[in-house]
PDB file of N, CA and C in Angstrom:
ATOM      1  N   MET A   1     -19.368  -0.848  40.917  1.00  0.00           N
ATOM      2  CA  MET A   1     -19.054  -0.827  39.471  1.00  0.00           C
ATOM      3  C   MET A   1     -17.519  -1.209  39.418  1.00  0.00           C
ATOM      4  N   GLU A   2     -17.394  -2.008  38.317  1.00  0.00           N
ATOM      5  CA  GLU A   2     -15.804  -2.313  38.150  1.00  0.00           C
ATOM      6  C   GLU A   2     -15.074  -1.235  37.487  1.00  0.00           C
ATOM      7  N   GLN A   3     -13.764  -1.014  38.133  1.00  0.00           N
ATOM      8  CA  GLN A   3     -13.116   0.114  37.410  1.00  0.00           C
ATOM      9  C   GLN A   3     -12.250  -0.516  36.178  1.00  0.00           C
ATOM     10  N   PHE A   4     -11.951   0.089  35.307  1.00  0.00           N
ATOM     11  CA  PHE A   4     -11.321  -0.197  34.178  1.00  0.00           C
ATOM     12  C   PHE A   4      -9.747   0.194  34.509  1.00  0.00           C
ATOM     13  N   LYS A   5      -8.825  -0.585  34.055  1.00  0.00           N
ATOM     14  CA  LYS A   5      -7.371  -0.331  34.235  1.00  0.00           C
ATOM     15  C   LYS A   5      -6.998   0.195  32.479  1.00  0.00           C
ATOM     16  N   LEU A   6      -6.509   1.242  32.768  1.00  0.00           N
ATOM     17  CA  LEU A   6      -5.787   1.899  31.300  1.00  0.00           C
ATOM     18  C   LEU A   6      -4.529   1.473  31.127  1.00  0.00           C
ATOM     19  N   ILE A   7      -4.029   1.113  30.038  1.00  0.00           N
ATOM     20  CA  ILE A   7      -2.683   0.480  29.809  1.00  0.00           C
ATOM     21  C   ILE A   7      -2.365   1.322  28.571  1.00  0.00           C
ATOM     22  N   PRO A   8      -0.867   1.972  28.899  1.00  0.00           N
ATOM     23  CA  PRO A   8      -0.658   2.755  27.735  1.00  0.00           C
ATOM     24  C   PRO A   8      -0.208   1.994  26.470  1.00  0.00           C
ATOM     25  N   ALA A   9      -0.417   2.501  25.139  1.00  0.00           N
ATOM     26  CA  ALA A   9      -0.433   1.793  23.874  1.00  0.00           C
ATOM     27  C   ALA A   9       0.976   1.082  23.848  1.00  0.00           C
ATOM     28  N   ASP A  10       1.977   1.856  24.208  1.00  0.00           N
ATOM     29  CA  ASP A  10       3.402   1.246  24.060  1.00  0.00           C
ATOM     30  C   ASP A  10       3.465   0.005  24.914  1.00  0.00           C
ATOM     31  N   GLU A  11       2.921  -0.001  26.060  1.00  0.00           N
ATOM     32  CA  GLU A  11       3.037  -1.247  26.789  1.00  0.00           C
ATOM     33  C   GLU A  11       2.150  -2.468  26.173  1.00  0.00           C
ATOM     34  N   MET A  12       0.957  -2.122  25.602  1.00  0.00           N
ATOM     35  CA  MET A  12       0.116  -3.075  24.827  1.00  0.00           C
ATOM     36  C   MET A  12       0.870  -3.550  23.744  1.00  0.00           C
ATOM     37  N   LYS A  13       1.592  -2.881  23.072  1.00  0.00           N
ATOM     38  CA  LYS A  13       2.485  -3.268  21.666  1.00  0.00           C
ATOM     39  C   LYS A  13       3.478  -4.225  22.145  1.00  0.00           C
ATOM     40  N   ASP A  14       4.113  -3.783  23.340  1.00  0.00           N
ATOM     41  CA  ASP A  14       5.309  -4.803  23.960  1.00  0.00           C
ATOM     42  C   ASP A  14       4.763  -6.187  24.385  1.00  0.00           C
ATOM     43  N   LYS A  15       3.519  -5.914  24.828  1.00  0.00           N
ATOM     44  CA  LYS A  15       2.818  -7.125  25.394  1.00  0.00           C
ATOM     45  C   LYS A  15       2.377  -8.167  24.160  1.00  0.00           C
ATOM     46  N   LEU A  16       1.949  -7.409  23.178  1.00  0.00           N
ATOM     47  CA  LEU A  16       1.403  -8.260  22.085  1.00  0.00           C
ATOM     48  C   LEU A  16       2.289  -8.790  21.106  1.00  0.00           C
ATOM     49  N   TRP A  17       3.368  -7.631  20.878  1.00  0.00           N
ATOM     50  CA  TRP A  17       4.468  -7.995  19.811  1.00  0.00           C
ATOM     51  C   TRP A  17       5.703  -8.205  20.067  1.00  0.00           C
ATOM     52  N   GLY A  18       6.076  -8.047  21.624  1.00  0.00           N
ATOM     53  CA  GLY A  18       7.280  -8.117  21.919  1.00  0.00           C
ATOM     54  C   GLY A  18       8.118  -6.753  22.076  1.00  0.00           C
ATOM     55  N   LYS A  19       9.144  -6.719  22.748  1.00  0.00           N
ATOM     56  CA  LYS A  19       9.967  -5.468  22.949  1.00  0.00           C
ATOM     57  C   LYS A  19      10.636  -4.878  21.625  1.00  0.00           C
ATOM     58  N   PRO A  20      10.814  -3.773  21.557  1.00  0.00           N
ATOM     59  CA  PRO A  20      11.533  -3.355  20.053  1.00  0.00           C
ATOM     60  C   PRO A  20      12.712  -4.114  20.036  1.00  0.00           C
ATOM     61  N   GLY A  21      13.152  -4.326  18.878  1.00  0.00           N
ATOM     62  CA  GLY A  21      14.367  -5.084  18.462  1.00  0.00           C
ATOM     63  C   GLY A  21      13.945  -6.522  18.445  1.00  0.00           C
ATOM     64  N   THR A  22      13.079  -7.135  18.946  1.00  0.00           N
ATOM     65  CA  THR A  22      12.948  -8.497  19.007  1.00  0.00           C
ATOM     66  C   THR A  22      12.478  -8.917  17.503  1.00  0.00           C
ATOM     67  N   PRO A  23      12.709 -10.210  17.097  1.00  0.00           N
ATOM     68  CA  PRO A  23      12.199 -10.747  15.979  1.00  0.00           C
ATOM     69  C   PRO A  23      10.863 -10.602  15.642  1.00  0.00           C
ATOM     70  N   GLU A  24       9.805 -10.746  16.596  1.00  0.00           N
ATOM     71  CA  GLU A  24       8.415 -10.724  16.389  1.00  0.00           C
ATOM     72  C   GLU A  24       8.055  -9.242  16.067  1.00  0.00           C
ATOM     73  N   ARG A  25       8.569  -8.320  16.965  1.00  0.00           N
ATOM     74  CA  ARG A  25       8.299  -7.078  17.030  1.00  0.00           C
ATOM     75  C   ARG A  25       8.836  -6.355  15.644  1.00  0.00           C
ATOM     76  N   ASP A  26       9.951  -6.814  15.168  1.00  0.00           N
ATOM     77  CA  ASP A  26      10.543  -6.399  13.832  1.00  0.00           C
ATOM     78  C   ASP A  26       9.580  -6.889  12.737  1.00  0.00           C
ATOM     79  N   ALA A  27       9.248  -7.749  12.720  1.00  0.00           N
ATOM     80  CA  ALA A  27       8.443  -8.577  11.780  1.00  0.00           C
ATOM     81  C   ALA A  27       7.036  -7.838  11.657  1.00  0.00           C
ATOM     82  N   MET A  28       6.467  -7.551  12.960  1.00  0.00           N
ATOM     83  CA  MET A  28       5.144  -6.819  12.973  1.00  0.00           C
ATOM     84  C   MET A  28       5.276  -5.422  12.142  1.00  0.00           C
ATOM     85  N   GLU A  29       6.278  -4.814  12.763  1.00  0.00           N
ATOM     86  CA  GLU A  29       6.568  -3.411  12.263  1.00  0.00           C
ATOM     87  C   GLU A  29       6.777  -3.491  10.815  1.00  0.00           C
ATOM     88  N   ALA A  30       7.533  -4.388  10.256  1.00  0.00           N
ATOM     89  CA  ALA A  30       7.934  -4.436   8.856  1.00  0.00           C
ATOM     90  C   ALA A  30       6.523  -4.723   7.878  1.00  0.00           C
ATOM     91  N   GLN A  31       5.745  -5.704   8.608  1.00  0.00           N
ATOM     92  CA  GLN A  31       4.499  -6.065   7.982  1.00  0.00           C
ATOM     93  C   GLN A  31       3.379  -4.559   7.911  1.00  0.00           C
ATOM     94  N   LEU A  32       3.591  -3.936   9.011  1.00  0.00           N
ATOM     95  CA  LEU A  32       2.636  -2.490   9.126  1.00  0.00           C
ATOM     96  C   LEU A  32       3.263  -1.652   8.164  1.00  0.00           C
ATOM     97  N   GLN A  33       4.519  -1.507   7.842  1.00  0.00           N
ATOM     98  CA  GLN A  33       5.163  -0.595   7.034  1.00  0.00           C
ATOM     99  C   GLN A  33       4.659  -1.070   5.503  1.00  0.00           C
ATOM    100  N   GLU A  34       4.564  -2.359   5.182  1.00  0.00           N
ATOM    101  CA  GLU A  34       4.307  -2.801   3.802  1.00  0.00           C
ATOM    102  C   GLU A  34       2.747  -2.524   3.596  1.00  0.00           C
ATOM    103  N   ASP A  35       2.158  -2.732   4.608  1.00  0.00           N
ATOM    104  CA  ASP A  35       0.460  -2.411   4.501  1.00  0.00           C
ATOM    105  C   ASP A  35       0.425  -0.906   4.166  1.00  0.00           C
ATOM    106  N   VAL A  36       1.018  -0.074   5.123  1.00  0.00           N
ATOM    107  CA  VAL A  36       0.921   1.193   4.828  1.00  0.00           C
ATOM    108  C   VAL A  36       1.196   1.736   3.574  1.00  0.00           C
ATOM    109  N   HIS A  37       2.369   1.240   2.908  1.00  0.00           N
ATOM    110  CA  HIS A  37       2.689   1.490   1.581  1.00  0.00           C
ATOM    111  C   HIS A  37       1.695   1.246   0.437  1.00  0.00           C
ATOM    112  N   ALA A  38       1.360  -0.287   0.715  1.00  0.00           N
ATOM    113  CA  ALA A  38       0.221  -0.785  -0.214  1.00  0.00           C
ATOM    114  C   ALA A  38      -0.968   0.112  -0.125  1.00  0.00           C
ATOM    115  N   TYR A  39      -1.478   0.577   0.823  1.00  0.00           N
ATOM    116  CA  TYR A  39      -2.653   1.599   0.995  1.00  0.00           C
ATOM    117  C   TYR A  39      -2.333   2.873   0.243  1.00  0.00           C
ATOM    118  N   MET A  40      -1.163   3.390   0.518  1.00  0.00           N
ATOM    119  CA  MET A  40      -0.747   4.707  -0.312  1.00  0.00           C
ATOM    120  C   MET A  40      -0.749   4.623  -1.870  1.00  0.00           C
ATOM    121  N   VAL A  41      -0.193   3.374  -2.283  1.00  0.00           N
ATOM    122  CA  VAL A  41      -0.428   3.141  -3.772  1.00  0.00           C
ATOM    123  C   VAL A  41      -1.608   3.180  -4.041  1.00  0.00           C
ATOM    124  N   GLY A  42      -2.503   2.113  -3.387  1.00  0.00           N
ATOM    125  CA  GLY A  42      -3.811   2.010  -3.708  1.00  0.00           C
ATOM    126  C   GLY A  42      -4.759   3.132  -3.834  1.00  0.00           C
ATOM    127  N   ASP A  43      -4.409   4.020  -3.019  1.00  0.00           N
ATOM    128  CA  ASP A  43      -5.199   5.357  -2.856  1.00  0.00           C
ATOM    129  C   ASP A  43      -4.737   6.078  -3.984  1.00  0.00           C
ATOM    130  N   ALA A  44      -3.517   6.180  -4.409  1.00  0.00           N
ATOM    131  CA  ALA A  44      -3.249   7.051  -5.546  1.00  0.00           C
ATOM    132  C   ALA A  44      -3.920   6.555  -7.027  1.00  0.00           C
ATOM    133  N   ILE A  45      -3.952   5.181  -7.044  1.00  0.00           N
ATOM    134  CA  ILE A  45      -4.498   4.274  -8.051  1.00  0.00           C
ATOM    135  C   ILE A  45      -5.992   4.903  -8.214  1.00  0.00           C
ATOM    136  N   ARG A  46      -6.786   4.698  -6.959  1.00  0.00           N
ATOM    137  CA  ARG A  46      -8.056   5.110  -6.904  1.00  0.00           C
ATOM    138  C   ARG A  46      -8.419   6.454  -7.365  1.00  0.00           C
ATOM    139  N   LYS A  47      -7.619   7.509  -6.895  1.00  0.00           N
ATOM    140  CA  LYS A  47      -7.694   8.877  -7.224  1.00  0.00           C
ATOM    141  C   LYS A  47      -7.513   9.329  -8.646  1.00  0.00           C
ATOM    142  N   ALA A  48      -6.659   8.590  -9.094  1.00  0.00           N
ATOM    143  CA  ALA A  48      -6.419   8.781 -10.489  1.00  0.00           C
ATOM    144  C   ALA A  48      -7.315   8.244 -11.281  1.00  0.00           C
ATOM    145  N   ARG A  49      -7.962   7.146 -11.109  1.00  0.00           N
ATOM    146  CA  ARG A  49      -8.855   6.418 -11.708  1.00  0.00           C
ATOM    147  C   ARG A  49     -10.206   7.236 -11.704  1.00  0.00           C
ATOM    148  N   GLN A  50     -10.360   7.639 -10.540  1.00  0.00           N
ATOM    149  CA  GLN A  50     -11.884   8.486 -10.291  1.00  0.00           C
ATOM    150  C   GLN A  50     -11.610   9.861 -11.197  1.00  0.00           C
ATOM    151  N   GLU A  51     -10.493  10.506 -11.133  1.00  0.00           N
ATOM    152  CA  GLU A  51     -10.297  11.679 -11.792  1.00  0.00           C
ATOM    153  C   GLU A  51     -10.771  11.631 -13.201  1.00  0.00           C
ATOM    154  N   GLN A  52     -10.522  10.375 -13.831  1.00  0.00           N
ATOM    155  CA  GLN A  52     -10.875  10.252 -14.939  1.00  0.00           C
ATOM    156  C   GLN A  52     -12.082   9.516 -15.445  1.00  0.00           C
ATOM    157  N   HIS A  53     -12.921   9.370 -14.285  1.00  0.00           N
ATOM    158  CA  HIS A  53     -14.280   9.030 -14.330  1.00  0.00           C
ATOM    159  C   HIS A  53     -14.211   7.661 -14.966  1.00  0.00           C
ATOM    160  N   LEU A  54     -13.324   6.805 -14.689  1.00  0.00           N
ATOM    161  CA  LEU A  54     -13.239   5.529 -15.086  1.00  0.00           C
ATOM    162  C   LEU A  54     -13.823   4.476 -13.872  1.00  0.00           C
ATOM    163  N   THR A  55     -14.516   3.467 -14.340  1.00  0.00           N
ATOM    164  CA  THR A  55     -14.760   2.353 -13.233  1.00  0.00           C
ATOM    165  C   THR A  55     -13.623   1.515 -13.130  1.00  0.00           C
ATOM    166  N   GLN A  56     -13.806   0.573 -11.908  1.00  0.00           N
ATOM    167  CA  GLN A  56     -12.743  -0.458 -11.682  1.00  0.00           C
ATOM    168  C   GLN A  56     -12.595  -1.417 -12.982  1.00  0.00           C
ATOM    169  N   GLU A  57     -13.774  -1.641 -13.598  1.00  0.00           N
ATOM    170  CA  GLU A  57     -13.986  -2.686 -14.669  1.00  0.00           C
ATOM    171  C   GLU A  57     -13.222  -2.113 -15.849  1.00  0.00           C
ATOM    172  N   GLU A  58     -13.409  -0.744 -16.087  1.00  0.00           N
ATOM    173  CA  GLU A  58     -12.869  -0.233 -17.187  1.00  0.00           C
ATOM    174  C   GLU A  58     -11.273  -0.143 -17.053  1.00  0.00           C
ATOM    175  N   LEU A  59     -10.960   0.292 -15.955  1.00  0.00           N
ATOM    176  CA  LEU A  59      -9.321   0.214 -15.749  1.00  0.00           C
ATOM    177  C   LEU A  59      -8.849  -1.258 -15.878  1.00  0.00           C
ATOM    178  N   GLY A  60      -9.891  -2.202 -15.314  1.00  0.00           N
ATOM    179  CA  GLY A  60      -9.166  -3.569 -15.339  1.00  0.00           C
ATOM    180  C   GLY A  60      -9.005  -4.078 -16.837  1.00  0.00           C
ATOM    181  N   GLU A  61      -9.997  -3.612 -17.683  1.00  0.00           N
ATOM    182  CA  GLU A  61     -10.096  -3.977 -18.915  1.00  0.00           C
ATOM    183  C   GLU A  61      -8.806  -3.484 -19.778  1.00  0.00           C
ATOM    184  N   ARG A  62      -8.494  -2.373 -19.606  1.00  0.00           N
ATOM    185  CA  ARG A  62      -7.234  -1.490 -20.040  1.00  0.00           C
ATOM    186  C   ARG A  62      -5.939  -2.259 -19.811  1.00  0.00           C
ATOM    187  N   ILE A  63      -5.899  -2.835 -18.601  1.00  0.00           N
ATOM    188  CA  ILE A  63      -4.616  -3.735 -18.238  1.00  0.00           C
ATOM    189  C   ILE A  63      -4.545  -5.110 -18.229  1.00  0.00           C
ATOM    190  N   GLY A  64      -5.997  -5.709 -18.592  1.00  0.00           N
ATOM    191  CA  GLY A  64      -6.027  -6.957 -18.753  1.00  0.00           C
ATOM    192  C   GLY A  64      -6.240  -7.719 -17.622  1.00  0.00           C
ATOM    193  N   VAL A  65      -6.936  -7.169 -16.285  1.00  0.00           N
ATOM    194  CA  VAL A  65      -7.114  -7.902 -15.287  1.00  0.00           C
ATOM    195  C   VAL A  65      -8.584  -7.534 -14.967  1.00  0.00           C
ATOM    196  N   GLN A  66      -9.134  -8.408 -14.074  1.00  0.00           N
ATOM    197  CA  GLN A  66     -10.539  -8.292 -13.439  1.00  0.00           C
ATOM    198  C   GLN A  66     -10.703  -7.467 -12.548  1.00  0.00           C
ATOM    199  N   ARG A  67     -11.998  -6.787 -12.615  1.00  0.00           N
ATOM    200  CA  ARG A  67     -12.274  -5.771 -11.617  1.00  0.00           C
ATOM    201  C   ARG A  67     -11.886  -5.956 -10.150  1.00  0.00           C
ATOM    202  N   ALA A  68     -12.234  -7.207  -9.836  1.00  0.00           N
ATOM    203  CA  ALA A  68     -11.674  -7.600  -8.364  1.00  0.00           C
ATOM    204  C   ALA A  68     -10.235  -7.319  -8.065  1.00  0.00           C
ATOM    205  N   GLN A  69      -9.503  -7.437  -9.202  1.00  0.00           N
ATOM    206  CA  GLN A  69      -7.948  -7.049  -8.801  1.00  0.00           C
ATOM    207  C   GLN A  69      -7.647  -5.567  -8.569  1.00  0.00           C
ATOM    208  N   ILE A  70      -8.326  -4.955  -9.420  1.00  0.00           N
ATOM    209  CA  ILE A  70      -8.193  -3.571  -9.109  1.00  0.00           C
ATOM    210  C   ILE A  70      -8.781  -3.095  -7.943  1.00  0.00           C
ATOM    211  N   SER A  71      -9.997  -3.745  -7.630  1.00  0.00           N
ATOM    212  CA  SER A  71     -10.384  -3.301  -5.992  1.00  0.00           C
ATOM    213  C   SER A  71      -9.547  -3.586  -4.897  1.00  0.00           C
ATOM    214  N   ARG A  72      -8.831  -4.801  -5.191  1.00  0.00           N
ATOM    215  CA  ARG A  72      -7.711  -5.324  -4.045  1.00  0.00           C
ATOM    216  C   ARG A  72      -6.648  -4.262  -4.121  1.00  0.00           C
ATOM    217  N   LEU A  73      -6.001  -3.765  -5.433  1.00  0.00           N
ATOM    218  CA  LEU A  73      -4.970  -2.979  -5.377  1.00  0.00           C
ATOM    219  C   LEU A  73      -5.617  -1.570  -4.727  1.00  0.00           C
ATOM    220  N   GLU A  74      -6.459  -1.241  -4.992  1.00  0.00           N
ATOM    221  CA  GLU A  74      -6.835   0.194  -4.377  1.00  0.00           C
ATOM    222  C   GLU A  74      -7.263  -0.019  -2.882  1.00  0.00           C
ATOM    223  N   LYS A  75      -7.677  -0.939  -2.584  1.00  0.00           N
ATOM    224  CA  LYS A  75      -7.679  -1.246  -1.057  1.00  0.00           C
ATOM    225  C   LYS A  75      -6.460  -1.529  -0.316  1.00  0.00           C
ATOM    226  N   GLY A  76      -5.367  -1.776  -1.178  1.00  0.00           N
ATOM    227  CA  GLY A  76      -4.191  -2.063  -0.362  1.00  0.00           C
ATOM    228  C   GLY A  76      -3.979  -3.679   0.037  1.00  0.00           C
ATOM    229  N   LYS A  77      -4.982  -4.295  -0.612  1.00  0.00           N
ATOM    230  CA  LYS A  77      -5.121  -5.854   0.066  1.00  0.00           C
ATOM    231  C   LYS A  77      -4.484  -6.696  -0.978  1.00  0.00           C
ATOM    232  N   SER A  78      -3.745  -6.267  -1.838  1.00  0.00           N
ATOM    233  CA  SER A  78      -2.862  -7.024  -3.003  1.00  0.00           C
ATOM    234  C   SER A  78      -1.570  -6.389  -3.021  1.00  0.00           C
ATOM    235  N   VAL A  79      -0.675  -7.213  -3.161  1.00  0.00           N
ATOM    236  CA  VAL A  79       0.758  -6.647  -3.400  1.00  0.00           C
ATOM    237  C   VAL A  79       0.878  -6.539  -4.808  1.00  0.00           C
ATOM    238  N   ILE A  80       1.291  -5.275  -5.129  1.00  0.00           N
ATOM    239  CA  ILE A  80       1.615  -4.993  -6.395  1.00  0.00           C
ATOM    240  C   ILE A  80       3.091  -4.848  -6.798  1.00  0.00           C
ATOM    241  N   THR A  81       3.162  -5.362  -7.904  1.00  0.00           N
ATOM    242  CA  THR A  81       4.598  -5.682  -8.400  1.00  0.00           C
ATOM    243  C   THR A  81       4.812  -4.392  -9.242  1.00  0.00           C
ATOM    244  N   LEU A  82       6.211  -4.080  -9.417  1.00  0.00           N
ATOM    245  CA  LEU A  82       6.506  -3.028 -10.316  1.00  0.00           C
ATOM    246  C   LEU A  82       5.967  -3.036 -11.894  1.00  0.00           C
ATOM    247  N   PRO A  83       6.065  -4.099 -12.566  1.00  0.00           N
ATOM    248  CA  PRO A  83       5.450  -4.271 -13.756  1.00  0.00           C
ATOM    249  C   PRO A  83       3.977  -3.858 -13.827  1.00  0.00           C
ATOM    250  N   THR A  84       3.249  -4.381 -12.703  1.00  0.00           N
ATOM    251  CA  THR A  84       1.640  -4.162 -12.570  1.00  0.00           C
ATOM    252  C   THR A  84       1.651  -2.776 -12.310  1.00  0.00           C
ATOM    253  N   MET A  85       2.284  -2.220 -11.573  1.00  0.00           N
ATOM    254  CA  MET A  85       2.246  -0.711 -11.213  1.00  0.00           C
ATOM    255  C   MET A  85       2.470   0.111 -12.366  1.00  0.00           C
ATOM    256  N   SER A  86       3.403  -0.384 -13.309  1.00  0.00           N
ATOM    257  CA  SER A  86       3.630   0.509 -14.363  1.00  0.00           C
ATOM    258  C   SER A  86       2.549   0.130 -15.361  1.00  0.00           C
ATOM    259  N   ARG A  87       1.931  -0.880 -15.613  1.00  0.00           N
ATOM    260  CA  ARG A  87       0.780  -0.771 -16.443  1.00  0.00           C
ATOM    261  C   ARG A  87      -0.363  -0.062 -16.068  1.00  0.00           C
ATOM    262  N   VAL A  88      -0.561  -0.308 -14.780  1.00  0.00           N
ATOM    263  CA  VAL A  88      -1.893   0.589 -14.059  1.00  0.00           C
ATOM    264  C   VAL A  88      -1.672   2.070 -14.314  1.00  0.00           C
ATOM    265  N   PHE A  89      -0.513   2.570 -14.096  1.00  0.00           N
ATOM    266  CA  PHE A  89      -0.389   4.092 -14.151  1.00  0.00           C
ATOM    267  C   PHE A  89      -0.104   4.369 -15.505  1.00  0.00           C
ATOM    268  N   LYS A  90       0.458   3.712 -16.474  1.00  0.00           N
ATOM    269  CA  LYS A  90       0.400   4.083 -17.843  1.00  0.00           C
ATOM    270  C   LYS A  90      -1.115   4.030 -18.392  1.00  0.00           C
ATOM    271  N   ALA A  91      -1.629   3.052 -17.905  1.00  0.00           N
ATOM    272  CA  ALA A  91      -3.047   2.979 -18.488  1.00  0.00           C
ATOM    273  C   ALA A  91      -4.120   4.048 -17.913  1.00  0.00           C
ATOM    274  N   LEU A  92      -3.373   4.875 -16.741  1.00  0.00           N
ATOM    275  CA  LEU A  92      -4.114   5.959 -16.443  1.00  0.00           C
ATOM    276  C   LEU A  92      -3.534   7.328 -16.892  1.00  0.00           C
ATOM    277  N   GLY A  93      -2.409   7.301 -17.918  1.00  0.00           N
ATOM    278  CA  GLY A  93      -2.045   8.252 -18.546  1.00  0.00           C
ATOM    279  C   GLY A  93      -0.658   8.918 -17.605  1.00  0.00           C
ATOM    280  N   ILE A  94      -0.265   8.299 -16.695  1.00  0.00           N
ATOM    281  CA  ILE A  94       1.046   8.881 -16.118  1.00  0.00           C
ATOM    282  C   ILE A  94       2.037   7.905 -16.679  1.00  0.00           C
ATOM    283  N   ASP A  95       2.839   8.963 -17.506  1.00  0.00           N
ATOM    284  CA  ASP A  95       3.826   8.270 -18.267  1.00  0.00           C
ATOM    285  C   ASP A  95       5.070   8.058 -17.612  1.00  0.00           C
ATOM    286  N   THR A  96       5.512   8.464 -16.281  1.00  0.00           N
ATOM    287  CA  THR A  96       6.608   8.615 -15.783  1.00  0.00           C
ATOM    288  C   THR A  96       6.518   7.960 -14.381  1.00  0.00           C
ATOM    289  N   GLY A  97       7.378   7.359 -13.839  1.00  0.00           N
ATOM    290  CA  GLY A  97       7.319   6.996 -12.369  1.00  0.00           C
ATOM    291  C   GLY A  97       8.508   6.768 -11.986  1.00  0.00           C
ATOM    292  N   VAL A  98       8.862   7.550 -10.753  1.00  0.00           N
ATOM    293  CA  VAL A  98      10.266   7.565 -10.289  1.00  0.00           C
ATOM    294  C   VAL A  98      10.313   7.154  -8.737  1.00  0.00           C
ATOM    295  N   LEU A  99      11.275   6.220  -8.371  1.00  0.00           N
ATOM    296  CA  LEU A  99      11.578   5.981  -7.152  1.00  0.00           C
ATOM    297  C   LEU A  99      12.684   6.763  -6.489  1.00  0.00           C
ATOM    298  N   ASP A 100      12.291   7.383  -5.391  1.00  0.00           N
ATOM    299  CA  ASP A 100      13.323   8.216  -4.489  1.00  0.00           C
ATOM    300  C   ASP A 100      14.009   7.325  -3.606  1.00  0.00           C
ATOM    301  N   LEU A 101      15.268   7.077  -3.584  1.00  0.00           N
ATOM    302  CA  LEU A 101      16.047   6.237  -2.760  1.00  0.00           C
ATOM    303  C   LEU A 101      16.868   7.093  -1.879  1.00  0.00           C
ATOM    304  N   GLY A 102      16.285   8.473  -1.616  1.00  0.00           N
ATOM    305  CA  GLY A 102      16.814   9.218  -0.605  1.00  0.00           C
ATOM    306  C   GLY A 102      18.505   9.486  -1.189  1.00  0.00           C
ATOM    307  N   SER A 103      19.477   9.392  -0.416  1.00  0.00           N
ATOM    308  CA  SER A 103      20.801   9.720  -0.540  1.00  0.00           C
ATOM    309  C   SER A 103      21.457   8.926  -1.707  1.00  0.00           C
ATOM    310  N   ALA A 104      20.751   7.746  -2.174  1.00  0.00           N
ATOM    311  CA  ALA A 104      21.218   6.906  -3.152  1.00  0.00           C
ATOM    312  C   ALA A 104      20.787   7.539  -4.563  1.00  0.00           C
ATOM    313  N   GLY A 105      19.693   8.574  -4.443  1.00  0.00           N
ATOM    314  CA  GLY A 105      19.449   9.118  -5.783  1.00  0.00           C
ATOM    315  C   GLY A 105      17.949   8.590  -5.973  1.00  0.00           C
ATOM    316  N   LYS A 106      17.635   9.003  -7.312  1.00  0.00           N
ATOM    317  CA  LYS A 106      16.351   8.579  -8.008  1.00  0.00           C
ATOM    318  C   LYS A 106      16.374   7.544  -8.932  1.00  0.00           C
ATOM    319  N   VAL A 107      15.542   6.653  -9.177  1.00  0.00           N
ATOM    320  CA  VAL A 107      15.545   5.741 -10.223  1.00  0.00           C
ATOM    321  C   VAL A 107      14.159   5.607 -11.107  1.00  0.00           C
ATOM    322  N   ALA A 108      14.303   5.870 -12.247  1.00  0.00           N
ATOM    323  CA  ALA A 108      13.157   5.768 -13.176  1.00  0.00           C
ATOM    324  C   ALA A 108      12.491   4.521 -13.209  1.00  0.00           C
ATOM    325  N   LEU A 109      11.112   4.456 -12.993  1.00  0.00           N
ATOM    326  CA  LEU A 109      10.667   2.857 -12.896  1.00  0.00           C
ATOM    327  C   LEU A 109       9.997   2.830 -14.358  1.00  0.00           C
ATOM    328  N   TRP A 110       9.478   3.682 -15.067  1.00  0.00           N
ATOM    329  CA  TRP A 110       9.002   3.482 -16.306  1.00  0.00           C
ATOM    330  C   TRP A 110       8.900   4.829 -17.183  1.00  0.00           C
TER     331      TRP A 110
END
């Protein structure tokens, strides 16, 4: 029977995407961070929509987009702009949105 060689995850990341600080690794980590943020925003949209017992189609009608666009947003598969985010959350009855910039303060988005 053949033996499996276990490789630590950090070694695999270095092998696949380069060492930390390299352009390839930085790009991969930046993309991963964007994907996580898109997923979190999408999850918030989905939860708010479901709490109101709305379908994706109904939410789409409220903001003037197709159901498929709402689906992509909820799955984090589509980049959401601040104007679109504002329309979505306003349509869900969320009247204020604030971006926390840490030590730089907070900014009202809508």
